[in-house]
ModelCIF file with pLDDT and N, C-alpha, C, O atoms, coordinates in Angstrom:
data_MODEL
#
_entry.id   MODEL 
#
_entity.id                         1 
_entity.type                       polymer 
_entity.pdbx_number_of_molecules   1 
#
_entity_poly.entity_id                      1 
_entity_poly.type                           'polypeptide(L)' 
_entity_poly.nstd_linkage                   no 
_entity_poly.nstd_monomer                   no 
_entity_poly.pdbx_seq_one_letter_code       IVFAGGIWKWTGMGVHYEKTFCTTFPALHVCHETGIRHVFATMWGDDG 
_entity_poly.pdbx_seq_one_letter_code_can   IVFAGGIWKWTGMGVHYEKTFCTTFPALHVCHETGIRHVFATMWGDDG 
_entity_poly.pdbx_strand_id                 A 
#
loop_
_entity_poly_seq.entity_id 
_entity_poly_seq.num 
_entity_poly_seq.mon_id 
_entity_poly_seq.hetero 
1 1  ILE n 
1 2  VAL n 
1 3  PHE n 
1 4  ALA n 
1 5  GLY n 
1 6  GLY n 
1 7  ILE n 
1 8  TRP n 
1 9  LYS n 
1 10 TRP n 
1 11 THR n 
1 12 GLY n 
1 13 MET n 
1 14 GLY n 
1 15 VAL n 
1 16 HIS n 
1 17 TYR n 
1 18 GLU n 
1 19 LYS n 
1 20 THR n 
1 21 PHE n 
1 22 CYS n 
1 23 THR n 
1 24 THR n 
1 25 PHE n 
1 26 PRO n 
1 27 ALA n 
1 28 LEU n 
1 29 HIS n 
1 30 VAL n 
1 31 CYS n 
1 32 HIS n 
1 33 GLU n 
1 34 THR n 
1 35 GLY n 
1 36 ILE n 
1 37 ARG n 
1 38 HIS n 
1 39 VAL n 
1 40 PHE n 
1 41 ALA n 
1 42 THR n 
1 43 MET n 
1 44 TRP n 
1 45 GLY n 
1 46 ASP n 
1 47 ASP n 
1 48 GLY n 
#
_struct_asym.id          A 
_struct_asym.entity_id   1 
#
loop_
_ma_qa_metric.id 
_ma_qa_metric.mode 
_ma_qa_metric.name 
_ma_qa_metric.software_group_id 
_ma_qa_metric.type 
1 global pLDDT . pLDDT 
2 local  pLDDT . pLDDT 
#
_ma_qa_metric_global.metric_id      1 
_ma_qa_metric_global.metric_value   93.88 
_ma_qa_metric_global.model_id       1 
_ma_qa_metric_global.ordinal_id     1 
#
loop_
_ma_qa_metric_local.label_asym_id 
_ma_qa_metric_local.label_comp_id 
_ma_qa_metric_local.label_seq_id 
_ma_qa_metric_local.metric_id 
_ma_qa_metric_local.metric_value 
_ma_qa_metric_local.model_id 
_ma_qa_metric_local.ordinal_id 
A ILE 1  2 97.00 1 1  
A VAL 2  2 97.00 1 2  
A PHE 3  2 98.00 1 3  
A ALA 4  2 98.00 1 4  
A GLY 5  2 98.00 1 5  
A GLY 6  2 97.00 1 6  
A ILE 7  2 97.00 1 7  
A TRP 8  2 95.00 1 8  
A LYS 9  2 94.00 1 9  
A TRP 10 2 93.00 1 10 
A THR 11 2 89.00 1 11 
A GLY 12 2 85.00 1 12 
A MET 13 2 85.00 1 13 
A GLY 14 2 87.00 1 14 
A VAL 15 2 91.00 1 15 
A HIS 16 2 92.00 1 16 
A TYR 17 2 91.00 1 17 
A GLU 18 2 91.00 1 18 
A LYS 19 2 95.00 1 19 
A THR 20 2 95.00 1 20 
A PHE 21 2 94.00 1 21 
A CYS 22 2 95.00 1 22 
A THR 23 2 97.00 1 23 
A THR 24 2 97.00 1 24 
A PHE 25 2 97.00 1 25 
A PRO 26 2 97.00 1 26 
A ALA 27 2 98.00 1 27 
A LEU 28 2 98.00 1 28 
A HIS 29 2 97.00 1 29 
A VAL 30 2 97.00 1 30 
A CYS 31 2 97.00 1 31 
A HIS 32 2 97.00 1 32 
A GLU 33 2 96.00 1 33 
A THR 34 2 96.00 1 34 
A GLY 35 2 95.00 1 35 
A ILE 36 2 97.00 1 36 
A ARG 37 2 97.00 1 37 
A HIS 38 2 98.00 1 38 
A VAL 39 2 98.00 1 39 
A PHE 40 2 98.00 1 40 
A ALA 41 2 98.00 1 41 
A THR 42 2 97.00 1 42 
A MET 43 2 96.00 1 43 
A TRP 44 2 95.00 1 44 
A GLY 45 2 90.00 1 45 
A ASP 46 2 83.00 1 46 
A ASP 47 2 73.00 1 47 
A GLY 48 2 73.00 1 48 
#
loop_
_atom_site.group_PDB 
_atom_site.id 
_atom_site.type_symbol 
_atom_site.label_atom_id 
_atom_site.label_alt_id 
_atom_site.label_comp_id 
_atom_site.label_asym_id 
_atom_site.label_entity_id 
_atom_site.label_seq_id 
_atom_site.pdbx_PDB_ins_code 
_atom_site.Cartn_x 
_atom_site.Cartn_y 
_atom_site.Cartn_z 
_atom_site.occupancy 
_atom_site.B_iso_or_equiv 
_atom_site.pdbx_formal_charge 
_atom_site.auth_seq_id 
_atom_site.auth_comp_id 
_atom_site.auth_asym_id 
_atom_site.auth_atom_id 
_atom_site.pdbx_PDB_model_num 
ATOM 1   N N  . ILE A 1 1  ? -45.430 23.798 -96.675  1.00 97.00 ? 1  ILE A N  1 
ATOM 2   C CA . ILE A 1 1  ? -45.078 23.564 -98.064  1.00 97.00 ? 1  ILE A CA 1 
ATOM 3   C C  . ILE A 1 1  ? -45.084 22.065 -98.338  1.00 97.00 ? 1  ILE A C  1 
ATOM 4   O O  . ILE A 1 1  ? -44.454 21.293 -97.615  1.00 97.00 ? 1  ILE A O  1 
ATOM 5   N N  . VAL A 1 2  ? -45.790 21.660 -99.371  1.00 97.00 ? 2  VAL A N  1 
ATOM 6   C CA . VAL A 1 2  ? -45.796 20.288 -99.862  1.00 97.00 ? 2  VAL A CA 1 
ATOM 7   C C  . VAL A 1 2  ? -45.057 20.296 -101.195 1.00 97.00 ? 2  VAL A C  1 
ATOM 8   O O  . VAL A 1 2  ? -45.266 21.187 -102.018 1.00 97.00 ? 2  VAL A O  1 
ATOM 9   N N  . PHE A 1 3  ? -44.193 19.304 -101.411 1.00 98.00 ? 3  PHE A N  1 
ATOM 10  C CA . PHE A 1 3  ? -43.475 19.258 -102.687 1.00 98.00 ? 3  PHE A CA 1 
ATOM 11  C C  . PHE A 1 3  ? -44.052 18.179 -103.592 1.00 98.00 ? 3  PHE A C  1 
ATOM 12  O O  . PHE A 1 3  ? -44.306 17.057 -103.157 1.00 98.00 ? 3  PHE A O  1 
ATOM 13  N N  . ALA A 1 4  ? -44.256 18.534 -104.859 1.00 98.00 ? 4  ALA A N  1 
ATOM 14  C CA . ALA A 1 4  ? -44.735 17.579 -105.863 1.00 98.00 ? 4  ALA A CA 1 
ATOM 15  C C  . ALA A 1 4  ? -43.721 17.499 -106.996 1.00 98.00 ? 4  ALA A C  1 
ATOM 16  O O  . ALA A 1 4  ? -43.523 18.462 -107.737 1.00 98.00 ? 4  ALA A O  1 
ATOM 17  N N  . GLY A 1 5  ? -43.087 16.349 -107.118 1.00 98.00 ? 5  GLY A N  1 
ATOM 18  C CA . GLY A 1 5  ? -42.202 16.085 -108.245 1.00 98.00 ? 5  GLY A CA 1 
ATOM 19  C C  . GLY A 1 5  ? -42.958 15.348 -109.326 1.00 98.00 ? 5  GLY A C  1 
ATOM 20  O O  . GLY A 1 5  ? -44.187 15.385 -109.368 1.00 98.00 ? 5  GLY A O  1 
ATOM 21  N N  . GLY A 1 6  ? -42.225 14.676 -110.207 1.00 97.00 ? 6  GLY A N  1 
ATOM 22  C CA . GLY A 1 6  ? -42.929 14.009 -111.301 1.00 97.00 ? 6  GLY A CA 1 
ATOM 23  C C  . GLY A 1 6  ? -42.227 12.766 -111.805 1.00 97.00 ? 6  GLY A C  1 
ATOM 24  O O  . GLY A 1 6  ? -41.000 12.724 -111.903 1.00 97.00 ? 6  GLY A O  1 
ATOM 25  N N  . ILE A 1 7  ? -43.015 11.757 -112.122 1.00 97.00 ? 7  ILE A N  1 
ATOM 26  C CA . ILE A 1 7  ? -42.549 10.596 -112.878 1.00 97.00 ? 7  ILE A CA 1 
ATOM 27  C C  . ILE A 1 7  ? -43.045 10.826 -114.293 1.00 97.00 ? 7  ILE A C  1 
ATOM 28  O O  . ILE A 1 7  ? -44.249 10.781 -114.546 1.00 97.00 ? 7  ILE A O  1 
ATOM 29  N N  . TRP A 1 8  ? -42.131 11.072 -115.212 1.00 95.00 ? 8  TRP A N  1 
ATOM 30  C CA . TRP A 1 8  ? -42.442 11.631 -116.528 1.00 95.00 ? 8  TRP A CA 1 
ATOM 31  C C  . TRP A 1 8  ? -43.126 10.613 -117.448 1.00 95.00 ? 8  TRP A C  1 
ATOM 32  O O  . TRP A 1 8  ? -42.468 9.956  -118.254 1.00 95.00 ? 8  TRP A O  1 
ATOM 33  N N  . LYS A 1 9  ? -44.443 10.492 -117.320 1.00 94.00 ? 9  LYS A N  1 
ATOM 34  C CA . LYS A 1 9  ? -45.197 9.587  -118.192 1.00 94.00 ? 9  LYS A CA 1 
ATOM 35  C C  . LYS A 1 9  ? -46.099 10.355 -119.161 1.00 94.00 ? 9  LYS A C  1 
ATOM 36  O O  . LYS A 1 9  ? -47.077 9.808  -119.671 1.00 94.00 ? 9  LYS A O  1 
ATOM 37  N N  . TRP A 1 10 ? -45.771 11.607 -119.408 1.00 93.00 ? 10 TRP A N  1 
ATOM 38  C CA . TRP A 1 10 ? -46.686 12.448 -120.199 1.00 93.00 ? 10 TRP A CA 1 
ATOM 39  C C  . TRP A 1 10 ? -46.055 13.016 -121.473 1.00 93.00 ? 10 TRP A C  1 
ATOM 40  O O  . TRP A 1 10 ? -46.583 13.970 -122.044 1.00 93.00 ? 10 TRP A O  1 
ATOM 41  N N  . THR A 1 11 ? -44.949 12.451 -121.920 1.00 89.00 ? 11 THR A N  1 
ATOM 42  C CA . THR A 1 11 ? -44.294 13.047 -123.087 1.00 89.00 ? 11 THR A CA 1 
ATOM 43  C C  . THR A 1 11 ? -44.201 12.108 -124.281 1.00 89.00 ? 11 THR A C  1 
ATOM 44  O O  . THR A 1 11 ? -43.504 12.421 -125.246 1.00 89.00 ? 11 THR A O  1 
ATOM 45  N N  . GLY A 1 12 ? -44.870 10.987 -124.247 1.00 85.00 ? 12 GLY A N  1 
ATOM 46  C CA . GLY A 1 12 ? -44.786 10.063 -125.377 1.00 85.00 ? 12 GLY A CA 1 
ATOM 47  C C  . GLY A 1 12 ? -45.419 8.735  -125.039 1.00 85.00 ? 12 GLY A C  1 
ATOM 48  O O  . GLY A 1 12 ? -46.385 8.674  -124.279 1.00 85.00 ? 12 GLY A O  1 
ATOM 49  N N  . MET A 1 13 ? -44.880 7.677  -125.598 1.00 85.00 ? 13 MET A N  1 
ATOM 50  C CA . MET A 1 13 ? -45.457 6.351  -125.416 1.00 85.00 ? 13 MET A CA 1 
ATOM 51  C C  . MET A 1 13 ? -44.773 5.558  -124.308 1.00 85.00 ? 13 MET A C  1 
ATOM 52  O O  . MET A 1 13 ? -45.131 4.406  -124.060 1.00 85.00 ? 13 MET A O  1 
ATOM 53  N N  . GLY A 1 14 ? -43.804 6.158  -123.647 1.00 87.00 ? 14 GLY A N  1 
ATOM 54  C CA . GLY A 1 14 ? -43.107 5.491  -122.553 1.00 87.00 ? 14 GLY A CA 1 
ATOM 55  C C  . GLY A 1 14 ? -42.681 6.500  -121.510 1.00 87.00 ? 14 GLY A C  1 
ATOM 56  O O  . GLY A 1 14 ? -42.713 7.707  -121.750 1.00 87.00 ? 14 GLY A O  1 
ATOM 57  N N  . VAL A 1 15 ? -42.279 6.001  -120.342 1.00 91.00 ? 15 VAL A N  1 
ATOM 58  C CA . VAL A 1 15 ? -41.825 6.879  -119.266 1.00 91.00 ? 15 VAL A CA 1 
ATOM 59  C C  . VAL A 1 15 ? -40.454 7.449  -119.636 1.00 91.00 ? 15 VAL A C  1 
ATOM 60  O O  . VAL A 1 15 ? -39.561 6.713  -120.055 1.00 91.00 ? 15 VAL A O  1 
ATOM 61  N N  . HIS A 1 16 ? -40.298 8.738  -119.481 1.00 92.00 ? 16 HIS A N  1 
ATOM 62  C CA . HIS A 1 16 ? -39.019 9.399  -119.729 1.00 92.00 ? 16 HIS A CA 1 
ATOM 63  C C  . HIS A 1 16 ? -38.210 9.301  -118.425 1.00 92.00 ? 16 HIS A C  1 
ATOM 64  O O  . HIS A 1 16 ? -38.211 10.216 -117.602 1.00 92.00 ? 16 HIS A O  1 
ATOM 65  N N  . TYR A 1 17 ? -37.525 8.169  -118.267 1.00 91.00 ? 17 TYR A N  1 
ATOM 66  C CA . TYR A 1 17 ? -36.841 7.935  -116.996 1.00 91.00 ? 17 TYR A CA 1 
ATOM 67  C C  . TYR A 1 17 ? -35.597 8.800  -116.817 1.00 91.00 ? 17 TYR A C  1 
ATOM 68  O O  . TYR A 1 17 ? -35.266 9.173  -115.692 1.00 91.00 ? 17 TYR A O  1 
ATOM 69  N N  . GLU A 1 18 ? -34.918 9.116  -117.884 1.00 91.00 ? 18 GLU A N  1 
ATOM 70  C CA . GLU A 1 18 ? -33.740 9.968  -117.738 1.00 91.00 ? 18 GLU A CA 1 
ATOM 71  C C  . GLU A 1 18 ? -34.140 11.308 -117.113 1.00 91.00 ? 18 GLU A C  1 
ATOM 72  O O  . GLU A 1 18 ? -33.472 11.796 -116.201 1.00 91.00 ? 18 GLU A O  1 
ATOM 73  N N  . LYS A 1 19 ? -35.232 11.898 -117.609 1.00 95.00 ? 19 LYS A N  1 
ATOM 74  C CA . LYS A 1 19 ? -35.714 13.164 -117.054 1.00 95.00 ? 19 LYS A CA 1 
ATOM 75  C C  . LYS A 1 19 ? -36.217 12.972 -115.620 1.00 95.00 ? 19 LYS A C  1 
ATOM 76  O O  . LYS A 1 19 ? -35.979 13.815 -114.755 1.00 95.00 ? 19 LYS A O  1 
ATOM 77  N N  . THR A 1 20 ? -36.905 11.872 -115.378 1.00 95.00 ? 20 THR A N  1 
ATOM 78  C CA . THR A 1 20 ? -37.399 11.575 -114.028 1.00 95.00 ? 20 THR A CA 1 
ATOM 79  C C  . THR A 1 20 ? -36.258 11.539 -113.026 1.00 95.00 ? 20 THR A C  1 
ATOM 80  O O  . THR A 1 20 ? -36.341 12.152 -111.961 1.00 95.00 ? 20 THR A O  1 
ATOM 81  N N  . PHE A 1 21 ? -35.191 10.820 -113.363 1.00 94.00 ? 21 PHE A N  1 
ATOM 82  C CA . PHE A 1 21 ? -34.081 10.667 -112.424 1.00 94.00 ? 21 PHE A CA 1 
ATOM 83  C C  . PHE A 1 21 ? -33.324 11.979 -112.219 1.00 94.00 ? 21 PHE A C  1 
ATOM 84  O O  . PHE A 1 21 ? -33.014 12.348 -111.087 1.00 94.00 ? 21 PHE A O  1 
ATOM 85  N N  . CYS A 1 22 ? -33.027 12.683 -113.314 1.00 95.00 ? 22 CYS A N  1 
ATOM 86  C CA . CYS A 1 22 ? -32.159 13.866 -113.182 1.00 95.00 ? 22 CYS A CA 1 
ATOM 87  C C  . CYS A 1 22 ? -32.878 15.018 -112.487 1.00 95.00 ? 22 CYS A C  1 
ATOM 88  O O  . CYS A 1 22 ? -32.222 15.944 -112.011 1.00 95.00 ? 22 CYS A O  1 
ATOM 89  N N  . THR A 1 23 ? -34.213 14.986 -112.415 1.00 97.00 ? 23 THR A N  1 
ATOM 90  C CA . THR A 1 23 ? -34.948 16.020 -111.674 1.00 97.00 ? 23 THR A CA 1 
ATOM 91  C C  . THR A 1 23 ? -35.290 15.575 -110.250 1.00 97.00 ? 23 THR A C  1 
ATOM 92  O O  . THR A 1 23 ? -35.307 16.394 -109.331 1.00 97.00 ? 23 THR A O  1 
ATOM 93  N N  . THR A 1 24 ? -35.560 14.291 -110.069 1.00 97.00 ? 24 THR A N  1 
ATOM 94  C CA . THR A 1 24 ? -36.016 13.812 -108.759 1.00 97.00 ? 24 THR A CA 1 
ATOM 95  C C  . THR A 1 24 ? -34.902 13.798 -107.727 1.00 97.00 ? 24 THR A C  1 
ATOM 96  O O  . THR A 1 24 ? -35.120 14.198 -106.583 1.00 97.00 ? 24 THR A O  1 
ATOM 97  N N  . PHE A 1 25 ? -33.709 13.345 -108.105 1.00 97.00 ? 25 PHE A N  1 
ATOM 98  C CA . PHE A 1 25 ? -32.621 13.269 -107.120 1.00 97.00 ? 25 PHE A CA 1 
ATOM 99  C C  . PHE A 1 25 ? -32.312 14.623 -106.486 1.00 97.00 ? 25 PHE A C  1 
ATOM 100 O O  . PHE A 1 25 ? -32.294 14.712 -105.258 1.00 97.00 ? 25 PHE A O  1 
ATOM 101 N N  . PRO A 1 26 ? -32.066 15.684 -107.264 1.00 97.00 ? 26 PRO A N  1 
ATOM 102 C CA . PRO A 1 26 ? -31.795 16.974 -106.608 1.00 97.00 ? 26 PRO A CA 1 
ATOM 103 C C  . PRO A 1 26 ? -33.001 17.512 -105.848 1.00 97.00 ? 26 PRO A C  1 
ATOM 104 O O  . PRO A 1 26 ? -32.848 18.117 -104.788 1.00 97.00 ? 26 PRO A O  1 
ATOM 105 N N  . ALA A 1 27 ? -34.195 17.296 -106.382 1.00 98.00 ? 27 ALA A N  1 
ATOM 106 C CA . ALA A 1 27 ? -35.393 17.823 -105.727 1.00 98.00 ? 27 ALA A CA 1 
ATOM 107 C C  . ALA A 1 27 ? -35.599 17.210 -104.353 1.00 98.00 ? 27 ALA A C  1 
ATOM 108 O O  . ALA A 1 27 ? -35.855 17.925 -103.384 1.00 98.00 ? 27 ALA A O  1 
ATOM 109 N N  . LEU A 1 28 ? -35.489 15.891 -104.263 1.00 98.00 ? 28 LEU A N  1 
ATOM 110 C CA . LEU A 1 28 ? -35.773 15.241 -102.986 1.00 98.00 ? 28 LEU A CA 1 
ATOM 111 C C  . LEU A 1 28 ? -34.632 15.407 -101.994 1.00 98.00 ? 28 LEU A C  1 
ATOM 112 O O  . LEU A 1 28 ? -34.863 15.427 -100.785 1.00 98.00 ? 28 LEU A O  1 
ATOM 113 N N  . HIS A 1 29 ? -33.418 15.525 -102.483 1.00 97.00 ? 29 HIS A N  1 
ATOM 114 C CA . HIS A 1 29 ? -32.323 15.868 -101.569 1.00 97.00 ? 29 HIS A CA 1 
ATOM 115 C C  . HIS A 1 29 ? -32.587 17.237 -100.930 1.00 97.00 ? 29 HIS A C  1 
ATOM 116 O O  . HIS A 1 29 ? -32.386 17.408 -99.728  1.00 97.00 ? 29 HIS A O  1 
ATOM 117 N N  . VAL A 1 30 ? -33.034 18.201 -101.724 1.00 97.00 ? 30 VAL A N  1 
ATOM 118 C CA . VAL A 1 30 ? -33.323 19.536 -101.200 1.00 97.00 ? 30 VAL A CA 1 
ATOM 119 C C  . VAL A 1 30 ? -34.525 19.497 -100.249 1.00 97.00 ? 30 VAL A C  1 
ATOM 120 O O  . VAL A 1 30 ? -34.553 20.232 -99.262  1.00 97.00 ? 30 VAL A O  1 
ATOM 121 N N  . CYS A 1 31 ? -35.508 18.654 -100.535 1.00 97.00 ? 31 CYS A N  1 
ATOM 122 C CA . CYS A 1 31 ? -36.650 18.511 -99.618  1.00 97.00 ? 31 CYS A CA 1 
ATOM 123 C C  . CYS A 1 31 ? -36.175 18.081 -98.234  1.00 97.00 ? 31 CYS A C  1 
ATOM 124 O O  . CYS A 1 31 ? -36.596 18.649 -97.226  1.00 97.00 ? 31 CYS A O  1 
ATOM 125 N N  . HIS A 1 32 ? -35.303 17.084 -98.183  1.00 97.00 ? 32 HIS A N  1 
ATOM 126 C CA . HIS A 1 32 ? -34.754 16.657 -96.892  1.00 97.00 ? 32 HIS A CA 1 
ATOM 127 C C  . HIS A 1 32 ? -33.941 17.773 -96.247  1.00 97.00 ? 32 HIS A C  1 
ATOM 128 O O  . HIS A 1 32 ? -34.041 18.007 -95.042  1.00 97.00 ? 32 HIS A O  1 
ATOM 129 N N  . GLU A 1 33 ? -33.160 18.440 -97.032  1.00 96.00 ? 33 GLU A N  1 
ATOM 130 C CA . GLU A 1 33 ? -32.277 19.501 -96.541  1.00 96.00 ? 33 GLU A CA 1 
ATOM 131 C C  . GLU A 1 33 ? -33.060 20.665 -95.949  1.00 96.00 ? 33 GLU A C  1 
ATOM 132 O O  . GLU A 1 33 ? -32.632 21.258 -94.959  1.00 96.00 ? 33 GLU A O  1 
ATOM 133 N N  . THR A 1 34 ? -34.208 21.001 -96.547  1.00 96.00 ? 34 THR A N  1 
ATOM 134 C CA . THR A 1 34 ? -34.973 22.184 -96.132  1.00 96.00 ? 34 THR A CA 1 
ATOM 135 C C  . THR A 1 34 ? -36.135 21.861 -95.189  1.00 96.00 ? 34 THR A C  1 
ATOM 136 O O  . THR A 1 34 ? -36.917 22.746 -94.843  1.00 96.00 ? 34 THR A O  1 
ATOM 137 N N  . GLY A 1 35 ? -36.247 20.605 -94.776  1.00 95.00 ? 35 GLY A N  1 
ATOM 138 C CA . GLY A 1 35 ? -37.250 20.245 -93.779  1.00 95.00 ? 35 GLY A CA 1 
ATOM 139 C C  . GLY A 1 35 ? -38.656 20.063 -94.306  1.00 95.00 ? 35 GLY A C  1 
ATOM 140 O O  . GLY A 1 35 ? -39.612 20.136 -93.534  1.00 95.00 ? 35 GLY A O  1 
ATOM 141 N N  . ILE A 1 36 ? -38.811 19.826 -95.607  1.00 97.00 ? 36 ILE A N  1 
ATOM 142 C CA . ILE A 1 36 ? -40.147 19.540 -96.155  1.00 97.00 ? 36 ILE A CA 1 
ATOM 143 C C  . ILE A 1 36 ? -40.638 18.210 -95.588  1.00 97.00 ? 36 ILE A C  1 
ATOM 144 O O  . ILE A 1 36 ? -39.877 17.246 -95.517  1.00 97.00 ? 36 ILE A O  1 
ATOM 145 N N  . ARG A 1 37 ? -41.891 18.155 -95.190  1.00 97.00 ? 37 ARG A N  1 
ATOM 146 C CA . ARG A 1 37 ? -42.412 16.957 -94.523  1.00 97.00 ? 37 ARG A CA 1 
ATOM 147 C C  . ARG A 1 37 ? -43.343 16.120 -95.393  1.00 97.00 ? 37 ARG A C  1 
ATOM 148 O O  . ARG A 1 37 ? -43.594 14.954 -95.089  1.00 97.00 ? 37 ARG A O  1 
ATOM 149 N N  . HIS A 1 38 ? -43.858 16.707 -96.476  1.00 98.00 ? 38 HIS A N  1 
ATOM 150 C CA . HIS A 1 38 ? -44.837 16.007 -97.312  1.00 98.00 ? 38 HIS A CA 1 
ATOM 151 C C  . HIS A 1 38 ? -44.407 16.079 -98.780  1.00 98.00 ? 38 HIS A C  1 
ATOM 152 O O  . HIS A 1 38 ? -44.153 17.160 -99.311  1.00 98.00 ? 38 HIS A O  1 
ATOM 153 N N  . VAL A 1 39 ? -44.330 14.925 -99.418  1.00 98.00 ? 39 VAL A N  1 
ATOM 154 C CA . VAL A 1 39 ? -43.835 14.836 -100.787 1.00 98.00 ? 39 VAL A CA 1 
ATOM 155 C C  . VAL A 1 39 ? -44.703 13.865 -101.572 1.00 98.00 ? 39 VAL A C  1 
ATOM 156 O O  . VAL A 1 39 ? -45.132 12.844 -101.034 1.00 98.00 ? 39 VAL A O  1 
ATOM 157 N N  . PHE A 1 40 ? -44.966 14.170 -102.836 1.00 98.00 ? 40 PHE A N  1 
ATOM 158 C CA . PHE A 1 40 ? -45.600 13.166 -103.699 1.00 98.00 ? 40 PHE A CA 1 
ATOM 159 C C  . PHE A 1 40 ? -45.132 13.341 -105.132 1.00 98.00 ? 40 PHE A C  1 
ATOM 160 O O  . PHE A 1 40 ? -44.638 14.399 -105.521 1.00 98.00 ? 40 PHE A O  1 
ATOM 161 N N  . ALA A 1 41 ? -45.300 12.282 -105.904 1.00 98.00 ? 41 ALA A N  1 
ATOM 162 C CA . ALA A 1 41 ? -44.928 12.291 -107.322 1.00 98.00 ? 41 ALA A CA 1 
ATOM 163 C C  . ALA A 1 41 ? -46.188 12.383 -108.164 1.00 98.00 ? 41 ALA A C  1 
ATOM 164 O O  . ALA A 1 41 ? -47.113 11.589 -107.995 1.00 98.00 ? 41 ALA A O  1 
ATOM 165 N N  . THR A 1 42 ? -46.226 13.345 -109.065 1.00 97.00 ? 42 THR A N  1 
ATOM 166 C CA . THR A 1 42 ? -47.325 13.413 -110.026 1.00 97.00 ? 42 THR A CA 1 
ATOM 167 C C  . THR A 1 42 ? -47.031 12.459 -111.178 1.00 97.00 ? 42 THR A C  1 
ATOM 168 O O  . THR A 1 42 ? -45.874 12.226 -111.528 1.00 97.00 ? 42 THR A O  1 
ATOM 169 N N  . MET A 1 43 ? -48.098 11.911 -111.762 1.00 96.00 ? 43 MET A N  1 
ATOM 170 C CA . MET A 1 43 ? -47.951 11.055 -112.944 1.00 96.00 ? 43 MET A CA 1 
ATOM 171 C C  . MET A 1 43 ? -49.024 11.477 -113.941 1.00 96.00 ? 43 MET A C  1 
ATOM 172 O O  . MET A 1 43 ? -50.035 10.797 -114.119 1.00 96.00 ? 43 MET A O  1 
ATOM 173 N N  . TRP A 1 44 ? -48.778 12.626 -114.593 1.00 95.00 ? 44 TRP A N  1 
ATOM 174 C CA . TRP A 1 44 ? -49.776 13.221 -115.465 1.00 95.00 ? 44 TRP A CA 1 
ATOM 175 C C  . TRP A 1 44 ? -50.007 12.375 -116.715 1.00 95.00 ? 44 TRP A C  1 
ATOM 176 O O  . TRP A 1 44 ? -49.117 11.665 -117.184 1.00 95.00 ? 44 TRP A O  1 
ATOM 177 N N  . GLY A 1 45 ? -51.224 12.474 -117.236 1.00 90.00 ? 45 GLY A N  1 
ATOM 178 C CA . GLY A 1 45 ? -51.569 11.806 -118.484 1.00 90.00 ? 45 GLY A CA 1 
ATOM 179 C C  . GLY A 1 45 ? -51.646 12.780 -119.648 1.00 90.00 ? 45 GLY A C  1 
ATOM 180 O O  . GLY A 1 45 ? -51.594 12.384 -120.813 1.00 90.00 ? 45 GLY A O  1 
ATOM 181 N N  . ASP A 1 46 ? -51.772 14.066 -119.313 1.00 83.00 ? 46 ASP A N  1 
ATOM 182 C CA . ASP A 1 46 ? -51.849 15.136 -120.309 1.00 83.00 ? 46 ASP A CA 1 
ATOM 183 C C  . ASP A 1 46 ? -52.851 14.837 -121.424 1.00 83.00 ? 46 ASP A C  1 
ATOM 184 O O  . ASP A 1 46 ? -54.056 14.876 -121.173 1.00 83.00 ? 46 ASP A O  1 
ATOM 185 N N  . ASP A 1 47 ? -52.406 14.543 -122.630 1.00 73.00 ? 47 ASP A N  1 
ATOM 186 C CA . ASP A 1 47 ? -53.326 14.512 -123.774 1.00 73.00 ? 47 ASP A CA 1 
ATOM 187 C C  . ASP A 1 47 ? -53.998 13.170 -124.033 1.00 73.00 ? 47 ASP A C  1 
ATOM 188 O O  . ASP A 1 47 ? -54.621 12.993 -125.080 1.00 73.00 ? 47 ASP A O  1 
ATOM 189 N N  . GLY A 1 48 ? -53.891 12.237 -123.125 1.00 73.00 ? 48 GLY A N  1 
ATOM 190 C CA . GLY A 1 48 ? -54.595 10.987 -123.384 1.00 73.00 ? 48 GLY A CA 1 
ATOM 191 C C  . GLY A 1 48 ? -54.144 9.785  -122.595 1.00 73.00 ? 48 GLY A C  1 
ATOM 192 O O  . GLY A 1 48 ? -54.693 8.696  -122.761 1.00 73.00 ? 48 GLY A O  1 
#
């Protein structure tokens, strides 16, 4: 299992850091807890 989180750059004209932080902290803590070995952050562009 590889885990892919996100740095929220796809919802407007700036990075949505509040959403990035509140999702990344629990996700990556659980990755360490469950023995996931490979992790990356997506940075989607979506509509442009």
